[in-house]
All heavy atoms as atom14 arrays in JSON, in Angstrom:
{
  "sequence": "TAVFVVITGMLGAMTGPWIMNKMGIHNPLSRGLA",
  "atom14_mask": [
    [1, 1, 1, 1, 1, 1, 1, 0, 0, 0, 0, 0, 0, 0],
    [1, 1, 1, 1, 1, 0, 0, 0, 0, 0, 0, 0, 0, 0],
    [1, 1, 1, 1, 1, 1, 1, 0, 0, 0, 0, 0, 0, 0],
    [1, 1, 1, 1, 1, 1, 1, 1, 1, 1, 1, 0, 0, 0],
    [1, 1, 1, 1, 1, 1, 1, 0, 0, 0, 0, 0, 0, 0],
    [1, 1, 1, 1, 1, 1, 1, 0, 0, 0, 0, 0, 0, 0],
    [1, 1, 1, 1, 1, 1, 1, 1, 0, 0, 0, 0, 0, 0],
    [1, 1, 1, 1, 1, 1, 1, 0, 0, 0, 0, 0, 0, 0],
    [1, 1, 1, 1, 0, 0, 0, 0, 0, 0, 0, 0, 0, 0],
    [1, 1, 1, 1, 1, 1, 1, 1, 0, 0, 0, 0, 0, 0],
    [1, 1, 1, 1, 1, 1, 1, 1, 0, 0, 0, 0, 0, 0],
    [1, 1, 1, 1, 0, 0, 0, 0, 0, 0, 0, 0, 0, 0],
    [1, 1, 1, 1, 1, 0, 0, 0, 0, 0, 0, 0, 0, 0],
    [1, 1, 1, 1, 1, 1, 1, 1, 0, 0, 0, 0, 0, 0],
    [1, 1, 1, 1, 1, 1, 1, 0, 0, 0, 0, 0, 0, 0],
    [1, 1, 1, 1, 0, 0, 0, 0, 0, 0, 0, 0, 0, 0],
    [1, 1, 1, 1, 1, 1, 1, 0, 0, 0, 0, 0, 0, 0],
    [1, 1, 1, 1, 1, 1, 1, 1, 1, 1, 1, 1, 1, 1],
    [1, 1, 1, 1, 1, 1, 1, 1, 0, 0, 0, 0, 0, 0],
    [1, 1, 1, 1, 1, 1, 1, 1, 0, 0, 0, 0, 0, 0],
    [1, 1, 1, 1, 1, 1, 1, 1, 0, 0, 0, 0, 0, 0],
    [1, 1, 1, 1, 1, 1, 1, 1, 1, 0, 0, 0, 0, 0],
    [1, 1, 1, 1, 1, 1, 1, 1, 0, 0, 0, 0, 0, 0],
    [1, 1, 1, 1, 0, 0, 0, 0, 0, 0, 0, 0, 0, 0],
    [1, 1, 1, 1, 1, 1, 1, 1, 0, 0, 0, 0, 0, 0],
    [1, 1, 1, 1, 1, 1, 1, 1, 1, 1, 0, 0, 0, 0],
    [1, 1, 1, 1, 1, 1, 1, 1, 0, 0, 0, 0, 0, 0],
    [1, 1, 1, 1, 1, 1, 1, 0, 0, 0, 0, 0, 0, 0],
    [1, 1, 1, 1, 1, 1, 1, 1, 0, 0, 0, 0, 0, 0],
    [1, 1, 1, 1, 1, 1, 0, 0, 0, 0, 0, 0, 0, 0],
    [1, 1, 1, 1, 1, 1, 1, 1, 1, 1, 1, 0, 0, 0],
    [1, 1, 1, 1, 0, 0, 0, 0, 0, 0, 0, 0, 0, 0],
    [1, 1, 1, 1, 1, 1, 1, 1, 0, 0, 0, 0, 0, 0],
    [1, 1, 1, 1, 1, 0, 0, 0, 0, 0, 0, 0, 0, 0]
  ],
  "atom14_positions": [
    [[21.02, 12.68, -12.67], [19.89, 12.25, -13.49], [18.66, 11.98, -12.64], [17.55, 12.42, -12.97], [20.26, 10.97, -14.28], [21.33, 11.27, -15.19], [19.07, 10.45, -15.07], [0.0, 0.0, 0.0], [0.0, 0.0, 0.0], [0.0, 0.0, 0.0], [0.0, 0.0, 0.0], [0.0, 0.0, 0.0], [0.0, 0.0, 0.0], [0.0, 0.0, 0.0]],
    [[18.85, 11.26, -11.53], [17.73, 10.96, -10.63], [17.11, 12.24, -10.09], [15.88, 12.36, -10.0], [18.21, 10.07, -9.48], [0.0, 0.0, 0.0], [0.0, 0.0, 0.0], [0.0, 0.0, 0.0], [0.0, 0.0, 0.0], [0.0, 0.0, 0.0], [0.0, 0.0, 0.0], [0.0, 0.0, 0.0], [0.0, 0.0, 0.0], [0.0, 0.0, 0.0]],
    [[17.94, 13.2, -9.73], [17.44, 14.49, -9.22], [16.63, 15.22, -10.28], [15.52, 15.72, -10.01], [18.61, 15.38, -8.74], [18.11, 16.79, -8.42], [19.29, 14.77, -7.53], [0.0, 0.0, 0.0], [0.0, 0.0, 0.0], [0.0, 0.0, 0.0], [0.0, 0.0, 0.0], [0.0, 0.0, 0.0], [0.0, 0.0, 0.0], [0.0, 0.0, 0.0]],
    [[17.14, 15.27, -11.5], [16.44, 15.96, -12.59], [15.11, 15.28, -12.91], [14.12, 15.95, -13.22], [17.32, 16.01, -13.84], [18.49, 16.94, -13.74], [19.74, 16.56, -14.2], [18.35, 18.2, -13.18], [20.82, 17.42, -14.11], [19.42, 19.07, -13.08], [20.67, 18.68, -13.54], [0.0, 0.0, 0.0], [0.0, 0.0, 0.0], [0.0, 0.0, 0.0]],
    [[15.1, 13.96, -12.85], [13.87, 13.21, -13.13], [12.79, 13.55, -12.1], [11.63, 13.82, -12.46], [14.14, 11.69, -13.13], [12.82, 10.91, -13.13], [14.95, 11.29, -14.35], [0.0, 0.0, 0.0], [0.0, 0.0, 0.0], [0.0, 0.0, 0.0], [0.0, 0.0, 0.0], [0.0, 0.0, 0.0], [0.0, 0.0, 0.0], [0.0, 0.0, 0.0]],
    [[13.17, 13.55, -10.84], [12.2, 13.83, -9.76], [11.68, 15.27, -9.88], [10.47, 15.52, -9.76], [12.84, 13.6, -8.38], [11.9, 14.08, -7.28], [13.17, 12.13, -8.19], [0.0, 0.0, 0.0], [0.0, 0.0, 0.0], [0.0, 0.0, 0.0], [0.0, 0.0, 0.0], [0.0, 0.0, 0.0], [0.0, 0.0, 0.0], [0.0, 0.0, 0.0]],
    [[12.59, 16.22, -10.11], [12.18, 17.62, -10.24], [11.26, 17.81, -11.43], [10.24, 18.51, -11.35], [13.42, 18.53, -10.37], [14.22, 18.54, -9.06], [13.0, 19.96, -10.74], [15.51, 19.31, -9.12], [0.0, 0.0, 0.0], [0.0, 0.0, 0.0], [0.0, 0.0, 0.0], [0.0, 0.0, 0.0], [0.0, 0.0, 0.0], [0.0, 0.0, 0.0]],
    [[11.6, 17.17, -12.55], [10.77, 17.28, -13.77], [9.38, 16.72, -13.53], [8.37, 17.34, -13.91], [11.43, 16.54, -14.94], [12.7, 17.12, -15.22], [10.56, 16.61, -16.19], [0.0, 0.0, 0.0], [0.0, 0.0, 0.0], [0.0, 0.0, 0.0], [0.0, 0.0, 0.0], [0.0, 0.0, 0.0], [0.0, 0.0, 0.0], [0.0, 0.0, 0.0]],
    [[9.31, 15.56, -12.9], [8.01, 14.95, -12.61], [7.17, 15.82, -11.71], [5.96, 16.01, -11.92], [0.0, 0.0, 0.0], [0.0, 0.0, 0.0], [0.0, 0.0, 0.0], [0.0, 0.0, 0.0], [0.0, 0.0, 0.0], [0.0, 0.0, 0.0], [0.0, 0.0, 0.0], [0.0, 0.0, 0.0], [0.0, 0.0, 0.0], [0.0, 0.0, 0.0]],
    [[7.81, 16.37, -10.68], [7.09, 17.21, -9.73], [6.59, 18.49, -10.39], [5.42, 18.87, -10.24], [7.99, 17.55, -8.54], [7.29, 18.28, -7.42], [8.38, 18.62, -6.01], [8.75, 16.94, -5.48], [0.0, 0.0, 0.0], [0.0, 0.0, 0.0], [0.0, 0.0, 0.0], [0.0, 0.0, 0.0], [0.0, 0.0, 0.0], [0.0, 0.0, 0.0]],
    [[7.45, 19.16, -11.15], [7.05, 20.39, -11.83], [5.97, 20.13, -12.88], [5.05, 20.92, -13.06], [8.27, 21.06, -12.47], [9.29, 21.68, -11.52], [10.48, 22.23, -12.3], [8.66, 22.79, -10.69], [0.0, 0.0, 0.0], [0.0, 0.0, 0.0], [0.0, 0.0, 0.0], [0.0, 0.0, 0.0], [0.0, 0.0, 0.0], [0.0, 0.0, 0.0]],
    [[6.11, 18.99, -13.58], [5.12, 18.63, -14.59], [3.75, 18.4, -13.99], [2.73, 18.85, -14.53], [0.0, 0.0, 0.0], [0.0, 0.0, 0.0], [0.0, 0.0, 0.0], [0.0, 0.0, 0.0], [0.0, 0.0, 0.0], [0.0, 0.0, 0.0], [0.0, 0.0, 0.0], [0.0, 0.0, 0.0], [0.0, 0.0, 0.0], [0.0, 0.0, 0.0]],
    [[3.72, 17.69, -12.87], [2.44, 17.42, -12.2], [1.85, 18.68, -11.59], [0.62, 18.86, -11.55], [2.65, 16.36, -11.11], [0.0, 0.0, 0.0], [0.0, 0.0, 0.0], [0.0, 0.0, 0.0], [0.0, 0.0, 0.0], [0.0, 0.0, 0.0], [0.0, 0.0, 0.0], [0.0, 0.0, 0.0], [0.0, 0.0, 0.0], [0.0, 0.0, 0.0]],
    [[2.73, 19.58, -11.12], [2.26, 20.83, -10.5], [1.69, 21.79, -11.53], [0.61, 22.35, -11.34], [3.43, 21.51, -9.78], [3.85, 20.87, -8.49], [5.39, 21.6, -7.87], [4.95, 23.34, -7.74], [0.0, 0.0, 0.0], [0.0, 0.0, 0.0], [0.0, 0.0, 0.0], [0.0, 0.0, 0.0], [0.0, 0.0, 0.0], [0.0, 0.0, 0.0]],
    [[2.43, 22.0, -12.61], [2.07, 23.05, -13.56], [1.34, 22.56, -14.8], [0.64, 23.34, -15.46], [3.34, 23.81, -14.02], [4.21, 22.89, -14.71], [4.08, 24.39, -12.82], [0.0, 0.0, 0.0], [0.0, 0.0, 0.0], [0.0, 0.0, 0.0], [0.0, 0.0, 0.0], [0.0, 0.0, 0.0], [0.0, 0.0, 0.0], [0.0, 0.0, 0.0]],
    [[1.49, 21.25, -15.12], [0.88, 20.71, -16.33], [-0.63, 20.94, -16.42], [-1.1, 21.53, -17.41], [0.0, 0.0, 0.0], [0.0, 0.0, 0.0], [0.0, 0.0, 0.0], [0.0, 0.0, 0.0], [0.0, 0.0, 0.0], [0.0, 0.0, 0.0], [0.0, 0.0, 0.0], [0.0, 0.0, 0.0], [0.0, 0.0, 0.0], [0.0, 0.0, 0.0]],
    [[-1.4, 20.5, -15.43], [-2.85, 20.71, -15.49], [-3.23, 22.19, -15.56], [-4.15, 22.57, -16.31], [-3.35, 20.08, -14.19], [-2.31, 19.06, -13.85], [-1.01, 19.67, -14.27], [0.0, 0.0, 0.0], [0.0, 0.0, 0.0], [0.0, 0.0, 0.0], [0.0, 0.0, 0.0], [0.0, 0.0, 0.0], [0.0, 0.0, 0.0], [0.0, 0.0, 0.0]],
    [[-2.51, 23.02, -14.82], [-2.79, 24.46, -14.81], [-2.55, 25.07, -16.19], [-3.37, 25.84, -16.69], [-1.91, 25.14, -13.76], [-2.11, 26.62, -13.66], [-3.12, 27.28, -13.0], [-1.31, 27.65, -14.27], [-2.99, 28.64, -13.14], [-1.88, 28.9, -13.92], [-0.16, 27.63, -15.05], [-1.34, 30.11, -14.33], [0.38, 28.84, -15.47], [-0.19, 30.05, -15.11]],
    [[-1.42, 24.71, -16.82], [-1.1, 25.23, -18.15], [-2.13, 24.77, -19.17], [-2.6, 25.55, -20.0], [0.31, 24.79, -18.58], [1.37, 25.47, -17.71], [0.56, 25.11, -20.05], [2.79, 24.97, -17.95], [0.0, 0.0, 0.0], [0.0, 0.0, 0.0], [0.0, 0.0, 0.0], [0.0, 0.0, 0.0], [0.0, 0.0, 0.0], [0.0, 0.0, 0.0]],
    [[-2.5, 23.49, -19.11], [-3.48, 22.96, -20.07], [-4.85, 23.61, -19.87], [-5.56, 23.86, -20.84], [-3.56, 21.43, -19.95], [-2.35, 20.72, -20.54], [-2.52, 18.92, -20.64], [-2.27, 18.46, -18.91], [0.0, 0.0, 0.0], [0.0, 0.0, 0.0], [0.0, 0.0, 0.0], [0.0, 0.0, 0.0], [0.0, 0.0, 0.0], [0.0, 0.0, 0.0]],
    [[-5.22, 23.88, -18.63], [-6.48, 24.58, -18.37], [-6.46, 25.97, -18.99], [-7.44, 26.42, -19.59], [-6.74, 24.67, -16.87], [-7.09, 23.33, -16.25], [-7.52, 22.42, -16.95], [-6.92, 23.21, -14.95], [0.0, 0.0, 0.0], [0.0, 0.0, 0.0], [0.0, 0.0, 0.0], [0.0, 0.0, 0.0], [0.0, 0.0, 0.0], [0.0, 0.0, 0.0]],
    [[-5.34, 26.67, -18.81], [-5.21, 28.03, -19.35], [-5.24, 28.02, -20.88], [-5.73, 28.97, -21.5], [-3.89, 28.65, -18.87], [-3.84, 28.98, -17.39], [-4.86, 30.04, -17.02], [-4.78, 30.42, -15.55], [-5.8, 31.45, -15.18], [0.0, 0.0, 0.0], [0.0, 0.0, 0.0], [0.0, 0.0, 0.0], [0.0, 0.0, 0.0], [0.0, 0.0, 0.0]],
    [[-4.74, 26.95, -21.48], [-4.7, 26.85, -22.94], [-5.97, 26.23, -23.52], [-6.1, 26.07, -24.73], [-3.48, 26.03, -23.37], [-2.15, 26.67, -23.03], [-0.73, 25.69, -23.57], [-0.92, 25.79, -25.36], [0.0, 0.0, 0.0], [0.0, 0.0, 0.0], [0.0, 0.0, 0.0], [0.0, 0.0, 0.0], [0.0, 0.0, 0.0], [0.0, 0.0, 0.0]],
    [[-6.9, 25.87, -22.65], [-8.16, 25.3, -23.11], [-8.07, 23.86, -23.57], [-8.88, 23.4, -24.37], [0.0, 0.0, 0.0], [0.0, 0.0, 0.0], [0.0, 0.0, 0.0], [0.0, 0.0, 0.0], [0.0, 0.0, 0.0], [0.0, 0.0, 0.0], [0.0, 0.0, 0.0], [0.0, 0.0, 0.0], [0.0, 0.0, 0.0], [0.0, 0.0, 0.0]],
    [[-7.06, 23.13, -23.07], [-6.9, 21.71, -23.42], [-7.63, 20.87, -22.38], [-7.14, 20.68, -21.26], [-5.41, 21.33, -23.49], [-4.68, 22.19, -24.5], [-5.26, 19.84, -23.83], [-3.18, 21.99, -24.52], [0.0, 0.0, 0.0], [0.0, 0.0, 0.0], [0.0, 0.0, 0.0], [0.0, 0.0, 0.0], [0.0, 0.0, 0.0], [0.0, 0.0, 0.0]],
    [[-8.8, 20.37, -22.73], [-9.61, 19.61, -21.78], [-9.86, 18.17, -22.23], [-10.47, 17.39, -21.49], [-10.95, 20.32, -21.56], [-10.81, 21.74, -21.07], [-10.29, 22.05, -19.83], [-11.1, 22.92, -21.67], [-10.28, 23.37, -19.67], [-10.77, 23.92, -20.77], [0.0, 0.0, 0.0], [0.0, 0.0, 0.0], [0.0, 0.0, 0.0], [0.0, 0.0, 0.0]],
    [[-9.41, 17.83, -23.42], [-9.6, 16.47, -23.92], [-8.84, 15.47, -23.04], [-7.63, 15.63, -22.84], [-9.09, 16.37, -25.36], [-9.32, 15.01, -25.96], [-8.52, 14.1, -25.73], [-10.4, 14.85, -26.71], [0.0, 0.0, 0.0], [0.0, 0.0, 0.0], [0.0, 0.0, 0.0], [0.0, 0.0, 0.0], [0.0, 0.0, 0.0], [0.0, 0.0, 0.0]],
    [[-9.5, 14.46, -22.48], [-8.84, 13.52, -21.57], [-7.65, 12.8, -22.2], [-6.64, 12.57, -21.53], [-9.96, 12.52, -21.24], [-11.22, 13.26, -21.49], [-10.93, 14.17, -22.64], [0.0, 0.0, 0.0], [0.0, 0.0, 0.0], [0.0, 0.0, 0.0], [0.0, 0.0, 0.0], [0.0, 0.0, 0.0], [0.0, 0.0, 0.0], [0.0, 0.0, 0.0]],
    [[-7.76, 12.48, -23.49], [-6.68, 11.79, -24.19], [-5.45, 12.69, -24.27], [-4.32, 12.26, -23.97], [-7.13, 11.4, -25.6], [-6.14, 10.58, -26.43], [-6.01, 9.17, -25.86], [-6.59, 10.5, -27.88], [0.0, 0.0, 0.0], [0.0, 0.0, 0.0], [0.0, 0.0, 0.0], [0.0, 0.0, 0.0], [0.0, 0.0, 0.0], [0.0, 0.0, 0.0]],
    [[-5.65, 13.93, -24.64], [-4.54, 14.87, -24.77], [-3.87, 15.14, -23.42], [-2.64, 15.19, -23.31], [-5.03, 16.2, -25.36], [-5.6, 15.99, -26.63], [0.0, 0.0, 0.0], [0.0, 0.0, 0.0], [0.0, 0.0, 0.0], [0.0, 0.0, 0.0], [0.0, 0.0, 0.0], [0.0, 0.0, 0.0], [0.0, 0.0, 0.0], [0.0, 0.0, 0.0]],
    [[-4.67, 15.29, -22.39], [-4.13, 15.58, -21.06], [-3.34, 14.38, -20.52], [-2.27, 14.54, -19.92], [-5.26, 15.96, -20.09], [-5.94, 17.27, -20.45], [-7.12, 17.55, -19.52], [-6.69, 17.93, -18.18], [-6.45, 19.17, -17.77], [-6.6, 20.18, -18.62], [-6.08, 19.42, -16.54], [0.0, 0.0, 0.0], [0.0, 0.0, 0.0], [0.0, 0.0, 0.0]],
    [[-3.86, 13.19, -20.76], [-3.16, 11.99, -20.31], [-1.82, 11.82, -21.02], [-0.81, 11.5, -20.39], [0.0, 0.0, 0.0], [0.0, 0.0, 0.0], [0.0, 0.0, 0.0], [0.0, 0.0, 0.0], [0.0, 0.0, 0.0], [0.0, 0.0, 0.0], [0.0, 0.0, 0.0], [0.0, 0.0, 0.0], [0.0, 0.0, 0.0], [0.0, 0.0, 0.0]],
    [[-1.81, 12.06, -22.33], [-0.57, 11.95, -23.1], [0.47, 12.96, -22.61], [1.64, 12.61, -22.42], [-0.86, 12.2, -24.59], [-1.51, 11.06, -25.37], [-1.89, 11.54, -26.77], [-0.58, 9.86, -25.46], [0.0, 0.0, 0.0], [0.0, 0.0, 0.0], [0.0, 0.0, 0.0], [0.0, 0.0, 0.0], [0.0, 0.0, 0.0], [0.0, 0.0, 0.0]],
    [[0.04, 14.2, -22.41], [0.97, 15.24, -21.98], [1.59, 14.93, -20.62], [2.8, 15.04, -20.42], [0.25, 16.58, -21.94], [0.0, 0.0, 0.0], [0.0, 0.0, 0.0], [0.0, 0.0, 0.0], [0.0, 0.0, 0.0], [0.0, 0.0, 0.0], [0.0, 0.0, 0.0], [0.0, 0.0, 0.0], [0.0, 0.0, 0.0], [0.0, 0.0, 0.0]]
  ]
}
């Protein structure tokens, strides 16, 4: 569980902003929630 949590957090932080930029999601509220 600890391993999966760390990997998920790392992948989310790495790819999350990039994916949201590609999808045109720039609203600060939406990005913070995601």
